[in-house]
PDB file of N, CA and C in Angstrom:
ATOM      1  N   ASP A   1      96.804 159.609  28.846  1.00  0.00           N
ATOM      2  CA  ASP A   1      96.403 159.628  27.325  1.00  0.00           C
ATOM      3  C   ASP A   1      94.689 160.167  27.749  1.00  0.00           C
ATOM      4  N   GLU A   2      95.036 160.632  26.725  1.00  0.00           N
ATOM      5  CA  GLU A   2      93.071 161.265  26.638  1.00  0.00           C
ATOM      6  C   GLU A   2      92.742 159.945  25.657  1.00  0.00           C
ATOM      7  N   SER A   3      91.340 159.564  26.277  1.00  0.00           N
ATOM      8  CA  SER A   3      90.975 158.432  25.752  1.00  0.00           C
ATOM      9  C   SER A   3      89.886 158.611  24.308  1.00  0.00           C
ATOM     10  N   ILE A   4      89.381 157.859  23.482  1.00  0.00           N
ATOM     11  CA  ILE A   4      88.609 158.545  22.474  1.00  0.00           C
ATOM     12  C   ILE A   4      88.023 157.686  22.129  1.00  0.00           C
ATOM     13  N   THR A   5      86.164 158.181  22.471  1.00  0.00           N
ATOM     14  CA  THR A   5      84.986 157.817  22.601  1.00  0.00           C
ATOM     15  C   THR A   5      84.510 157.443  21.080  1.00  0.00           C
ATOM     16  N   SER A   6      84.475 158.658  20.128  1.00  0.00           N
ATOM     17  CA  SER A   6      83.746 158.027  19.209  1.00  0.00           C
ATOM     18  C   SER A   6      84.905 158.397  18.111  1.00  0.00           C
ATOM     19  N   ARG A   7      83.550 158.107  16.158  1.00  0.00           N
ATOM     20  CA  ARG A   7      84.286 158.091  15.534  1.00  0.00           C
ATOM     21  C   ARG A   7      84.976 159.691  15.151  1.00  0.00           C
ATOM     22  N   ASP A   8      84.279 160.797  15.529  1.00  0.00           N
ATOM     23  CA  ASP A   8      84.646 162.182  15.863  1.00  0.00           C
ATOM     24  C   ASP A   8      85.727 162.502  16.364  1.00  0.00           C
ATOM     25  N   ASP A   9      85.961 161.376  17.630  1.00  0.00           N
ATOM     26  CA  ASP A   9      87.360 161.913  18.361  1.00  0.00           C
ATOM     27  C   ASP A   9      88.082 162.070  17.649  1.00  0.00           C
ATOM     28  N   VAL A  10      88.034 160.394  17.198  1.00  0.00           N
ATOM     29  CA  VAL A  10      89.519 159.931  15.725  1.00  0.00           C
ATOM     30  C   VAL A  10      89.485 161.033  14.914  1.00  0.00           C
ATOM     31  N   GLN A  11      88.653 161.741  13.999  1.00  0.00           N
ATOM     32  CA  GLN A  11      88.603 162.334  13.072  1.00  0.00           C
ATOM     33  C   GLN A  11      89.491 164.086  13.879  1.00  0.00           C
ATOM     34  N   GLN A  12      88.337 164.131  14.187  1.00  0.00           N
ATOM     35  CA  GLN A  12      89.706 165.132  15.395  1.00  0.00           C
ATOM     36  C   GLN A  12      91.028 165.044  15.460  1.00  0.00           C
ATOM     37  N   ARG A  13      91.149 164.100  16.461  1.00  0.00           N
ATOM     38  CA  ARG A  13      92.617 163.921  16.545  1.00  0.00           C
ATOM     39  C   ARG A  13      93.381 163.531  15.016  1.00  0.00           C
ATOM     40  N   SER A  14      93.152 162.945  14.121  1.00  0.00           N
ATOM     41  CA  SER A  14      93.823 162.980  13.126  1.00  0.00           C
ATOM     42  C   SER A  14      94.203 164.450  12.575  1.00  0.00           C
ATOM     43  N   ARG A  15      92.979 165.073  12.228  1.00  0.00           N
ATOM     44  CA  ARG A  15      92.733 166.225  11.983  1.00  0.00           C
ATOM     45  C   ARG A  15      93.494 167.209  12.492  1.00  0.00           C
ATOM     46  N   ASP A  16      93.766 167.576  13.555  1.00  0.00           N
ATOM     47  CA  ASP A  16      94.543 168.134  14.672  1.00  0.00           C
ATOM     48  C   ASP A  16      95.907 167.829  14.362  1.00  0.00           C
ATOM     49  N   ASN A  17      96.461 166.703  14.601  1.00  0.00           N
ATOM     50  CA  ASN A  17      97.959 165.422  14.600  1.00  0.00           C
ATOM     51  C   ASN A  17      98.675 166.079  13.216  1.00  0.00           C
ATOM     52  N   SER A  18      97.697 166.548  11.747  1.00  0.00           N
ATOM     53  CA  SER A  18      98.215 166.350  11.061  1.00  0.00           C
ATOM     54  C   SER A  18      98.423 167.693  10.075  1.00  0.00           C
ATOM     55  N   ILE A  19      98.158 168.949  11.207  1.00  0.00           N
ATOM     56  CA  ILE A  19      97.396 170.555  11.314  1.00  0.00           C
ATOM     57  C   ILE A  19      99.465 170.496  12.403  1.00  0.00           C
ATOM     58  N   SER A  20      99.052 170.223  13.293  1.00  0.00           N
ATOM     59  CA  SER A  20     100.338 170.281  14.153  1.00  0.00           C
ATOM     60  C   SER A  20     101.946 170.028  12.979  1.00  0.00           C
ATOM     61  N   SER A  21     101.696 168.640  12.159  1.00  0.00           N
ATOM     62  CA  SER A  21     103.133 167.891  11.381  1.00  0.00           C
ATOM     63  C   SER A  21     102.847 168.790  10.528  1.00  0.00           C
ATOM     64  N   LEU A  22     102.197 169.270   9.892  1.00  0.00           N
ATOM     65  CA  LEU A  22     102.721 170.347   9.145  1.00  0.00           C
ATOM     66  C   LEU A  22     102.823 171.976   9.579  1.00  0.00           C
ATOM     67  N   MET A  23     102.325 172.571  10.197  1.00  0.00           N
ATOM     68  CA  MET A  23     102.877 174.312  10.646  1.00  0.00           C
ATOM     69  C   MET A  23     102.117 174.574  11.688  1.00  0.00           C
ATOM     70  N   ASP A  24     102.432 175.314  12.774  1.00  0.00           N
ATOM     71  CA  ASP A  24     102.193 176.063  13.411  1.00  0.00           C
ATOM     72  C   ASP A  24     101.033 176.706  13.124  1.00  0.00           C
ATOM     73  N   MET A  25     100.201 177.326  14.293  1.00  0.00           N
ATOM     74  CA  MET A  25      98.848 178.469  13.715  1.00  0.00           C
ATOM     75  C   MET A  25      99.118 179.047  13.442  1.00  0.00           C
ATOM     76  N   SER A  26     100.766 180.225  13.524  1.00  0.00           N
ATOM     77  CA  SER A  26     101.171 181.090  13.497  1.00  0.00           C
ATOM     78  C   SER A  26     101.513 181.243  11.640  1.00  0.00           C
ATOM     79  N   GLN A  27     101.865 179.901  11.567  1.00  0.00           N
ATOM     80  CA  GLN A  27     102.275 179.801   9.396  1.00  0.00           C
ATOM     81  C   GLN A  27     100.618 179.611   9.002  1.00  0.00           C
ATOM     82  N   ILE A  28      99.970 178.689   9.256  1.00  0.00           N
ATOM     83  CA  ILE A  28      98.490 178.939   9.436  1.00  0.00           C
ATOM     84  C   ILE A  28      97.848 180.187   8.837  1.00  0.00           C
ATOM     85  N   ALA A  29      98.022 181.063  10.273  1.00  0.00           N
ATOM     86  CA  ALA A  29      97.591 182.530   9.534  1.00  0.00           C
ATOM     87  C   ALA A  29      97.566 183.062   8.693  1.00  0.00           C
ATOM     88  N   THR A  30      98.985 182.739   7.663  1.00  0.00           N
ATOM     89  CA  THR A  30      99.412 183.825   7.066  1.00  0.00           C
ATOM     90  C   THR A  30      99.013 182.746   5.298  1.00  0.00           C
ATOM     91  N   LEU A  31      98.622 181.732   5.446  1.00  0.00           N
ATOM     92  CA  LEU A  31      98.035 181.490   4.124  1.00  0.00           C
ATOM     93  C   LEU A  31      96.806 182.122   3.945  1.00  0.00           C
ATOM     94  N   PRO A  32      96.463 182.302   2.533  1.00  0.00           N
ATOM     95  CA  PRO A  32      95.319 182.737   1.954  1.00  0.00           C
ATOM     96  C   PRO A  32      93.878 181.999   2.641  1.00  0.00           C
ATOM     97  N   GLU A  33      92.440 182.782   2.605  1.00  0.00           N
ATOM     98  CA  GLU A  33      91.716 182.296   3.412  1.00  0.00           C
ATOM     99  C   GLU A  33      90.757 180.628   2.508  1.00  0.00           C
ATOM    100  N   ALA A  34      90.935 180.508   1.560  1.00  0.00           N
ATOM    101  CA  ALA A  34      90.976 179.437   0.630  1.00  0.00           C
ATOM    102  C   ALA A  34      91.390 177.870   1.465  1.00  0.00           C
ATOM    103  N   GLU A  35      92.903 178.580   2.042  1.00  0.00           N
ATOM    104  CA  GLU A  35      93.852 177.058   2.114  1.00  0.00           C
ATOM    105  C   GLU A  35      93.230 177.119   3.573  1.00  0.00           C
ATOM    106  N   ARG A  36      93.285 178.048   4.229  1.00  0.00           N
ATOM    107  CA  ARG A  36      92.658 178.069   5.770  1.00  0.00           C
ATOM    108  C   ARG A  36      91.559 177.136   5.910  1.00  0.00           C
ATOM    109  N   ASN A  37      90.622 177.630   4.789  1.00  0.00           N
ATOM    110  CA  ASN A  37      89.307 176.842   4.655  1.00  0.00           C
ATOM    111  C   ASN A  37      89.613 175.299   4.882  1.00  0.00           C
ATOM    112  N   VAL A  38      90.656 174.636   4.548  1.00  0.00           N
ATOM    113  CA  VAL A  38      91.399 173.052   3.354  1.00  0.00           C
ATOM    114  C   VAL A  38      91.597 172.878   4.868  1.00  0.00           C
ATOM    115  N   ILE A  39      92.569 173.445   5.588  1.00  0.00           N
ATOM    116  CA  ILE A  39      93.670 172.898   6.803  1.00  0.00           C
ATOM    117  C   ILE A  39      92.730 172.979   8.067  1.00  0.00           C
ATOM    118  N   LEU A  40      91.840 173.877   8.227  1.00  0.00           N
ATOM    119  CA  LEU A  40      91.162 174.029   9.415  1.00  0.00           C
ATOM    120  C   LEU A  40      89.933 172.660   9.743  1.00  0.00           C
ATOM    121  N   PRO A  41      89.527 172.808  10.598  1.00  0.00           N
ATOM    122  CA  PRO A  41      88.449 172.061  10.899  1.00  0.00           C
ATOM    123  C   PRO A  41      87.280 172.952  10.189  1.00  0.00           C
ATOM    124  N   PRO A  42      85.917 172.073   9.710  1.00  0.00           N
ATOM    125  CA  PRO A  42      84.756 172.910   8.928  1.00  0.00           C
ATOM    126  C   PRO A  42      84.088 173.931  10.060  1.00  0.00           C
ATOM    127  N   SER A  43      83.559 174.593   9.978  1.00  0.00           N
ATOM    128  CA  SER A  43      82.238 175.552  11.151  1.00  0.00           C
ATOM    129  C   SER A  43      81.246 174.530  10.777  1.00  0.00           C
ATOM    130  N   PRO A  44      79.870 174.537  11.697  1.00  0.00           N
ATOM    131  CA  PRO A  44      79.070 173.753  11.476  1.00  0.00           C
ATOM    132  C   PRO A  44      78.499 173.738  10.734  1.00  0.00           C
ATOM    133  N   LEU A  45      77.687 173.064   9.915  1.00  0.00           N
ATOM    134  CA  LEU A  45      76.850 173.231   8.479  1.00  0.00           C
ATOM    135  C   LEU A  45      75.440 173.142   9.608  1.00  0.00           C
ATOM    136  N   TYR A  46      74.236 174.179   9.155  1.00  0.00           N
ATOM    137  CA  TYR A  46      73.226 174.653   8.988  1.00  0.00           C
ATOM    138  C   TYR A  46      72.209 173.814   8.114  1.00  0.00           C
ATOM    139  N   LYS A  47      71.386 173.013   8.075  1.00  0.00           N
ATOM    140  CA  LYS A  47      70.524 172.426   6.547  1.00  0.00           C
ATOM    141  C   LYS A  47      68.949 172.985   6.996  1.00  0.00           C
ATOM    142  N   ILE A  48      68.308 173.753   6.919  1.00  0.00           N
ATOM    143  CA  ILE A  48      67.205 174.208   6.701  1.00  0.00           C
ATOM    144  C   ILE A  48      66.490 173.594   5.635  1.00  0.00           C
ATOM    145  N   VAL A  49      64.957 172.918   6.043  1.00  0.00           N
ATOM    146  CA  VAL A  49      64.167 172.796   4.721  1.00  0.00           C
ATOM    147  C   VAL A  49      62.926 173.271   4.844  1.00  0.00           C
ATOM    148  N   LEU A  50      62.488 173.759   4.085  1.00  0.00           N
ATOM    149  CA  LEU A  50      61.123 174.819   3.518  1.00  0.00           C
ATOM    150  C   LEU A  50      60.066 173.191   2.818  1.00  0.00           C
ATOM    151  N   THR A  51      59.066 173.334   3.458  1.00  0.00           N
ATOM    152  CA  THR A  51      58.680 172.326   3.002  1.00  0.00           C
ATOM    153  C   THR A  51      57.022 172.935   2.406  1.00  0.00           C
ATOM    154  N   GLY A  52      55.830 172.674   1.478  1.00  0.00           N
ATOM    155  CA  GLY A  52      54.588 172.764   1.505  1.00  0.00           C
ATOM    156  C   GLY A  52      54.117 172.687   0.465  1.00  0.00           C
ATOM    157  N   GLY A  53      52.517 173.066   0.280  1.00  0.00           N
ATOM    158  CA  GLY A  53      52.073 173.269  -1.062  1.00  0.00           C
ATOM    159  C   GLY A  53      52.514 174.013  -2.437  1.00  0.00           C
ATOM    160  N   PRO A  54      52.197 173.603  -2.982  1.00  0.00           N
ATOM    161  CA  PRO A  54      51.841 175.098  -4.346  1.00  0.00           C
ATOM    162  C   PRO A  54      51.327 176.403  -3.562  1.00  0.00           C
ATOM    163  N   CYS A  55      51.762 177.699  -3.634  1.00  0.00           N
ATOM    164  CA  CYS A  55      51.803 178.925  -3.468  1.00  0.00           C
ATOM    165  C   CYS A  55      51.656 178.872  -1.724  1.00  0.00           C
ATOM    166  N   GLY A  56      52.006 177.602  -1.485  1.00  0.00           N
ATOM    167  CA  GLY A  56      52.608 177.840   0.455  1.00  0.00           C
ATOM    168  C   GLY A  56      53.055 178.853   0.474  1.00  0.00           C
ATOM    169  N   GLY A  57      53.990 179.492  -0.014  1.00  0.00           N
ATOM    170  CA  GLY A  57      55.433 180.682   0.522  1.00  0.00           C
ATOM    171  C   GLY A  57      56.808 180.465   1.140  1.00  0.00           C
ATOM    172  N   LYS A  58      57.089 178.644   0.279  1.00  0.00           N
ATOM    173  CA  LYS A  58      58.378 178.536   0.395  1.00  0.00           C
ATOM    174  C   LYS A  58      58.995 179.088  -0.290  1.00  0.00           C
ATOM    175  N   THR A  59      58.987 179.829  -1.976  1.00  0.00           N
ATOM    176  CA  THR A  59      59.858 180.665  -2.215  1.00  0.00           C
ATOM    177  C   THR A  59      60.178 181.826  -1.242  1.00  0.00           C
ATOM    178  N   THR A  60      59.089 182.512  -0.976  1.00  0.00           N
ATOM    179  CA  THR A  60      59.224 183.342  -0.357  1.00  0.00           C
ATOM    180  C   THR A  60      59.712 183.883   1.311  1.00  0.00           C
ATOM    181  N   ALA A  61      59.258 182.836   1.812  1.00  0.00           N
ATOM    182  CA  ALA A  61      60.155 182.234   2.973  1.00  0.00           C
ATOM    183  C   ALA A  61      61.429 181.825   3.063  1.00  0.00           C
ATOM    184  N   LEU A  62      62.352 181.566   1.552  1.00  0.00           N
ATOM    185  CA  LEU A  62      63.381 180.946   1.888  1.00  0.00           C
ATOM    186  C   LEU A  62      64.037 182.360   0.992  1.00  0.00           C
ATOM    187  N   ALA A  63      63.264 183.236   1.110  1.00  0.00           N
ATOM    188  CA  ALA A  63      64.314 184.840   0.258  1.00  0.00           C
ATOM    189  C   ALA A  63      64.494 185.506   1.811  1.00  0.00           C
ATOM    190  N   ARG A  64      63.592 185.107   1.837  1.00  0.00           N
ATOM    191  CA  ARG A  64      63.261 186.311   3.750  1.00  0.00           C
ATOM    192  C   ARG A  64      64.326 185.976   4.728  1.00  0.00           C
ATOM    193  N   LEU A  65      64.401 184.579   4.751  1.00  0.00           N
ATOM    194  CA  LEU A  65      64.832 183.334   5.682  1.00  0.00           C
ATOM    195  C   LEU A  65      66.365 183.704   5.320  1.00  0.00           C
ATOM    196  N   SER A  66      66.717 183.989   3.550  1.00  0.00           N
ATOM    197  CA  SER A  66      68.065 184.219   3.899  1.00  0.00           C
ATOM    198  C   SER A  66      68.521 185.327   3.814  1.00  0.00           C
ATOM    199  N   SER A  67      67.647 186.403   3.527  1.00  0.00           N
ATOM    200  CA  SER A  67      68.228 187.894   4.000  1.00  0.00           C
ATOM    201  C   SER A  67      68.838 188.110   5.848  1.00  0.00           C
ATOM    202  N   TYR A  68      67.152 187.628   6.135  1.00  0.00           N
ATOM    203  CA  TYR A  68      67.744 187.768   7.752  1.00  0.00           C
ATOM    204  C   TYR A  68      69.008 186.785   7.871  1.00  0.00           C
ATOM    205  N   LEU A  69      69.305 185.681   7.403  1.00  0.00           N
ATOM    206  CA  LEU A  69      70.265 185.057   8.021  1.00  0.00           C
ATOM    207  C   LEU A  69      71.990 185.155   7.309  1.00  0.00           C
ATOM    208  N   ARG A  70      72.202 186.172   6.542  1.00  0.00           N
ATOM    209  CA  ARG A  70      73.052 187.189   6.023  1.00  0.00           C
ATOM    210  C   ARG A  70      72.927 188.330   6.890  1.00  0.00           C
ATOM    211  N   GLU A  71      72.260 188.844   7.456  1.00  0.00           N
ATOM    212  CA  GLU A  71      72.975 190.730   7.165  1.00  0.00           C
ATOM    213  C   GLU A  71      73.175 190.095   9.279  1.00  0.00           C
ATOM    214  N   ARG A  72      72.828 188.497   9.600  1.00  0.00           N
ATOM    215  CA  ARG A  72      73.571 188.540  10.956  1.00  0.00           C
ATOM    216  C   ARG A  72      75.043 187.591  10.749  1.00  0.00           C
ATOM    217  N   GLY A  73      75.872 187.659   9.519  1.00  0.00           N
ATOM    218  CA  GLY A  73      77.021 187.345   8.777  1.00  0.00           C
ATOM    219  C   GLY A  73      76.693 186.034   9.135  1.00  0.00           C
ATOM    220  N   PHE A  74      75.960 184.985   8.188  1.00  0.00           N
ATOM    221  CA  PHE A  74      75.756 183.177   7.950  1.00  0.00           C
ATOM    222  C   PHE A  74      76.362 183.383   6.676  1.00  0.00           C
ATOM    223  N   GLU A  75      76.869 182.815   6.079  1.00  0.00           N
ATOM    224  CA  GLU A  75      76.882 182.477   4.775  1.00  0.00           C
ATOM    225  C   GLU A  75      76.047 181.380   4.364  1.00  0.00           C
ATOM    226  N   VAL A  76      74.580 181.728   3.403  1.00  0.00           N
ATOM    227  CA  VAL A  76      73.553 181.190   2.960  1.00  0.00           C
ATOM    228  C   VAL A  76      73.491 180.755   1.288  1.00  0.00           C
ATOM    229  N   LEU A  77      73.504 179.414   1.435  1.00  0.00           N
ATOM    230  CA  LEU A  77      73.673 178.525   0.200  1.00  0.00           C
ATOM    231  C   LEU A  77      72.215 178.488   0.141  1.00  0.00           C
ATOM    232  N   THR A  78      72.032 178.673  -0.650  1.00  0.00           N
ATOM    233  CA  THR A  78      70.317 177.643  -1.552  1.00  0.00           C
ATOM    234  C   THR A  78      70.534 177.023  -2.850  1.00  0.00           C
ATOM    235  N   CYS A  79      69.878 176.131  -2.331  1.00  0.00           N
ATOM    236  CA  CYS A  79      69.511 174.662  -3.494  1.00  0.00           C
ATOM    237  C   CYS A  79      68.230 174.981  -4.200  1.00  0.00           C
ATOM    238  N   PRO A  80      68.418 174.908  -5.652  1.00  0.00           N
ATOM    239  CA  PRO A  80      67.680 174.905  -6.083  1.00  0.00           C
ATOM    240  C   PRO A  80      66.387 173.409  -6.609  1.00  0.00           C
ATOM    241  N   GLU A  81      65.380 173.669  -6.534  1.00  0.00           N
ATOM    242  CA  GLU A  81      64.132 172.592  -6.107  1.00  0.00           C
ATOM    243  C   GLU A  81      64.226 171.561  -7.507  1.00  0.00           C
ATOM    244  N   ALA A  82      64.183 170.654  -7.426  1.00  0.00           N
ATOM    245  CA  ALA A  82      64.924 169.811  -8.987  1.00  0.00           C
ATOM    246  C   ALA A  82      63.376 169.280  -9.694  1.00  0.00           C
ATOM    247  N   TYR A  83      62.292 169.839  -9.097  1.00  0.00           N
ATOM    248  CA  TYR A  83      60.601 169.158  -9.865  1.00  0.00           C
ATOM    249  C   TYR A  83      60.935 170.917 -10.920  1.00  0.00           C
ATOM    250  N   THR A  84      60.934 172.097 -10.711  1.00  0.00           N
ATOM    251  CA  THR A  84      61.117 173.107 -11.261  1.00  0.00           C
ATOM    252  C   THR A  84      62.431 173.020 -13.058  1.00  0.00           C
ATOM    253  N   ILE A  85      63.350 172.663 -11.815  1.00  0.00           N
ATOM    254  CA  ILE A  85      64.408 172.800 -13.206  1.00  0.00           C
ATOM    255  C   ILE A  85      63.996 171.410 -14.342  1.00  0.00           C
ATOM    256  N   LEU A  86      63.194 170.618 -13.442  1.00  0.00           N
ATOM    257  CA  LEU A  86      63.314 169.192 -14.801  1.00  0.00           C
ATOM    258  C   LEU A  86      61.763 169.886 -15.607  1.00  0.00           C
ATOM    259  N   ALA A  87      61.240 170.687 -14.803  1.00  0.00           N
ATOM    260  CA  ALA A  87      59.729 170.975 -15.936  1.00  0.00           C
ATOM    261  C   ALA A  87      59.827 172.337 -16.931  1.00  0.00           C
ATOM    262  N   SER A  88      61.047 173.471 -16.023  1.00  0.00           N
ATOM    263  CA  SER A  88      61.355 174.292 -17.352  1.00  0.00           C
ATOM    264  C   SER A  88      62.615 173.917 -18.350  1.00  0.00           C
ATOM    265  N   ASN A  89      62.927 172.170 -18.234  1.00  0.00           N
ATOM    266  CA  ASN A  89      64.211 172.317 -19.385  1.00  0.00           C
ATOM    267  C   ASN A  89      63.414 171.160 -20.001  1.00  0.00           C
ATOM    268  N   GLY A  90      62.169 171.216 -19.690  1.00  0.00           N
ATOM    269  CA  GLY A  90      61.743 169.863 -20.822  1.00  0.00           C
ATOM    270  C   GLY A  90      60.281 168.712 -20.363  1.00  0.00           C
ATOM    271  N   MET A  91      60.884 168.707 -19.436  1.00  0.00           N
ATOM    272  CA  MET A  91      59.723 167.533 -18.716  1.00  0.00           C
ATOM    273  C   MET A  91      58.299 167.594 -18.888  1.00  0.00           C
ATOM    274  N   SER A  92      57.451 167.283 -19.685  1.00  0.00           N
ATOM    275  CA  SER A  92      56.029 167.803 -20.005  1.00  0.00           C
ATOM    276  C   SER A  92      55.310 166.881 -19.281  1.00  0.00           C
ATOM    277  N   LEU A  93      54.813 167.690 -18.548  1.00  0.00           N
ATOM    278  CA  LEU A  93      52.556 166.921 -17.867  1.00  0.00           C
ATOM    279  C   LEU A  93      52.518 165.688 -18.393  1.00  0.00           C
ATOM    280  N   SER A  94      52.415 165.767 -20.502  1.00  0.00           N
ATOM    281  CA  SER A  94      52.031 164.490 -21.074  1.00  0.00           C
ATOM    282  C   SER A  94      52.642 162.964 -20.311  1.00  0.00           C
ATOM    283  N   TYR A  95      53.655 163.502 -19.961  1.00  0.00           N
ATOM    284  CA  TYR A  95      54.975 162.229 -19.737  1.00  0.00           C
ATOM    285  C   TYR A  95      54.096 161.085 -18.435  1.00  0.00           C
ATOM    286  N   TYR A  96      53.367 161.598 -17.485  1.00  0.00           N
ATOM    287  CA  TYR A  96      52.356 161.218 -16.329  1.00  0.00           C
ATOM    288  C   TYR A  96      51.107 160.641 -17.143  1.00  0.00           C
ATOM    289  N   GLU A  97      51.237 160.670 -18.248  1.00  0.00           N
ATOM    290  CA  GLU A  97      49.824 160.002 -18.597  1.00  0.00           C
ATOM    291  C   GLU A  97      50.012 158.149 -19.525  1.00  0.00           C
ATOM    292  N   THR A  98      51.352 158.029 -19.474  1.00  0.00           N
ATOM    293  CA  THR A  98      52.344 157.216 -19.294  1.00  0.00           C
ATOM    294  C   THR A  98      51.851 156.127 -18.563  1.00  0.00           C
ATOM    295  N   GLU A  99      51.375 154.985 -18.820  1.00  0.00           N
ATOM    296  CA  GLU A  99      51.626 153.598 -17.640  1.00  0.00           C
ATOM    297  C   GLU A  99      52.299 153.583 -16.666  1.00  0.00           C
ATOM    298  N   GLY A 100      53.003 153.681 -15.950  1.00  0.00           N
ATOM    299  CA  GLY A 100      53.879 153.445 -14.608  1.00  0.00           C
ATOM    300  C   GLY A 100      55.183 154.528 -15.216  1.00  0.00           C
ATOM    301  N   MET A 101      54.851 155.475 -15.428  1.00  0.00           N
ATOM    302  CA  MET A 101      55.957 157.077 -15.357  1.00  0.00           C
ATOM    303  C   MET A 101      55.993 157.913 -14.612  1.00  0.00           C
ATOM    304  N   PRO A 102      54.014 157.597 -13.702  1.00  0.00           N
ATOM    305  CA  PRO A 102      54.407 158.688 -12.626  1.00  0.00           C
ATOM    306  C   PRO A 102      55.446 158.532 -11.567  1.00  0.00           C
ATOM    307  N   GLY A 103      55.389 157.307 -11.530  1.00  0.00           N
ATOM    308  CA  GLY A 103      56.556 156.563 -10.820  1.00  0.00           C
ATOM    309  C   GLY A 103      57.956 156.889 -10.659  1.00  0.00           C
ATOM    310  N   VAL A 104      58.340 156.859 -11.934  1.00  0.00           N
ATOM    311  CA  VAL A 104      59.715 156.836 -12.955  1.00  0.00           C
ATOM    312  C   VAL A 104      60.293 158.650 -12.453  1.00  0.00           C
ATOM    313  N   ILE A 105      58.785 159.203 -12.496  1.00  0.00           N
ATOM    314  CA  ILE A 105      59.315 160.904 -12.705  1.00  0.00           C
ATOM    315  C   ILE A 105      59.090 161.181 -11.163  1.00  0.00           C
ATOM    316  N   GLN A 106      58.480 160.530 -10.020  1.00  0.00           N
ATOM    317  CA  GLN A 106      58.932 160.649  -9.425  1.00  0.00           C
ATOM    318  C   GLN A 106      60.294 160.527  -8.235  1.00  0.00           C
ATOM    319  N   ASN A 107      60.818 159.085  -8.452  1.00  0.00           N
ATOM    320  CA  ASN A 107      62.045 158.810  -8.451  1.00  0.00           C
ATOM    321  C   ASN A 107      62.846 159.423  -8.557  1.00  0.00           C
ATOM    322  N   THR A 108      62.567 160.185 -10.199  1.00  0.00           N
ATOM    323  CA  THR A 108      63.833 161.171 -11.044  1.00  0.00           C
ATOM    324  C   THR A 108      63.733 162.625 -10.400  1.00  0.00           C
ATOM    325  N   VAL A 109      62.842 162.873 -10.188  1.00  0.00           N
ATOM    326  CA  VAL A 109      62.662 164.066  -9.116  1.00  0.00           C
ATOM    327  C   VAL A 109      63.256 163.764  -7.797  1.00  0.00           C
ATOM    328  N   MET A 110      63.173 162.820  -6.714  1.00  0.00           N
ATOM    329  CA  MET A 110      64.304 162.499  -5.634  1.00  0.00           C
ATOM    330  C   MET A 110      65.468 162.171  -5.989  1.00  0.00           C
ATOM    331  N   ASP A 111      66.121 161.857  -6.899  1.00  0.00           N
ATOM    332  CA  ASP A 111      67.704 161.587  -6.990  1.00  0.00           C
ATOM    333  C   ASP A 111      67.683 162.505  -7.931  1.00  0.00           C
ATOM    334  N   VAL A 112      67.899 163.646  -8.514  1.00  0.00           N
ATOM    335  CA  VAL A 112      67.981 165.090  -8.854  1.00  0.00           C
ATOM    336  C   VAL A 112      67.978 165.901  -7.502  1.00  0.00           C
ATOM    337  N   GLN A 113      66.801 165.673  -6.885  1.00  0.00           N
ATOM    338  CA  GLN A 113      67.057 166.699  -5.602  1.00  0.00           C
ATOM    339  C   GLN A 113      68.131 166.156  -4.887  1.00  0.00           C
ATOM    340  N   MET A 114      68.030 164.985  -4.560  1.00  0.00           N
ATOM    341  CA  MET A 114      69.141 164.401  -3.270  1.00  0.00           C
ATOM    342  C   MET A 114      70.792 164.485  -3.899  1.00  0.00           C
ATOM    343  N   ASN A 115      70.997 165.061  -5.379  1.00  0.00           N
ATOM    344  CA  ASN A 115      71.608 165.208  -6.180  1.00  0.00           C
ATOM    345  C   ASN A 115      72.313 166.223  -5.890  1.00  0.00           C
ATOM    346  N   LEU A 116      71.256 167.361  -6.061  1.00  0.00           N
ATOM    347  CA  LEU A 116      71.894 168.379  -5.482  1.00  0.00           C
ATOM    348  C   LEU A 116      71.772 169.361  -4.389  1.00  0.00           C
ATOM    349  N   GLU A 117      71.065 168.390  -3.760  1.00  0.00           N
ATOM    350  CA  GLU A 117      71.691 168.750  -2.017  1.00  0.00           C
ATOM    351  C   GLU A 117      73.508 168.552  -1.512  1.00  0.00           C
ATOM    352  N   ASP A 118      73.139 166.955  -2.157  1.00  0.00           N
ATOM    353  CA  ASP A 118      74.734 166.436  -1.500  1.00  0.00           C
ATOM    354  C   ASP A 118      75.894 167.661  -2.123  1.00  0.00           C
ATOM    355  N   GLY A 119      75.278 168.246  -3.257  1.00  0.00           N
ATOM    356  CA  GLY A 119      76.192 169.084  -3.416  1.00  0.00           C
ATOM    357  C   GLY A 119      76.727 170.553  -3.342  1.00  0.00           C
ATOM    358  N   PHE A 120      75.774 170.712  -2.552  1.00  0.00           N
ATOM    359  CA  PHE A 120      75.870 171.590  -1.253  1.00  0.00           C
ATOM    360  C   PHE A 120      76.688 171.641  -0.216  1.00  0.00           C
TER     361      PHE A 120
END
């Protein structure tokens, strides 16, 4: 009997058992790709964060990096920047003039960004 050494081992064993109890690999191979993606263990997910000040080249680097990775067979998803979304949809710079608002705005931007990233 193999010993279980981590939570990942438990999850993997559970995944393996549920797959084998449902169908064998030849049956899984006949399923549409979307259904296989739900049943089979996920591929590794890599996250890359680009940081820098205004006009620091983040957007240019993102475009080049995305193209580079796609050309090499990676699936690339990019997450929009929260501040740009908020600013382009009505958040005015005049909000910063209200006492206490800079902190509220910063928290809002962070909350929106984290929710966007969690959605990817």
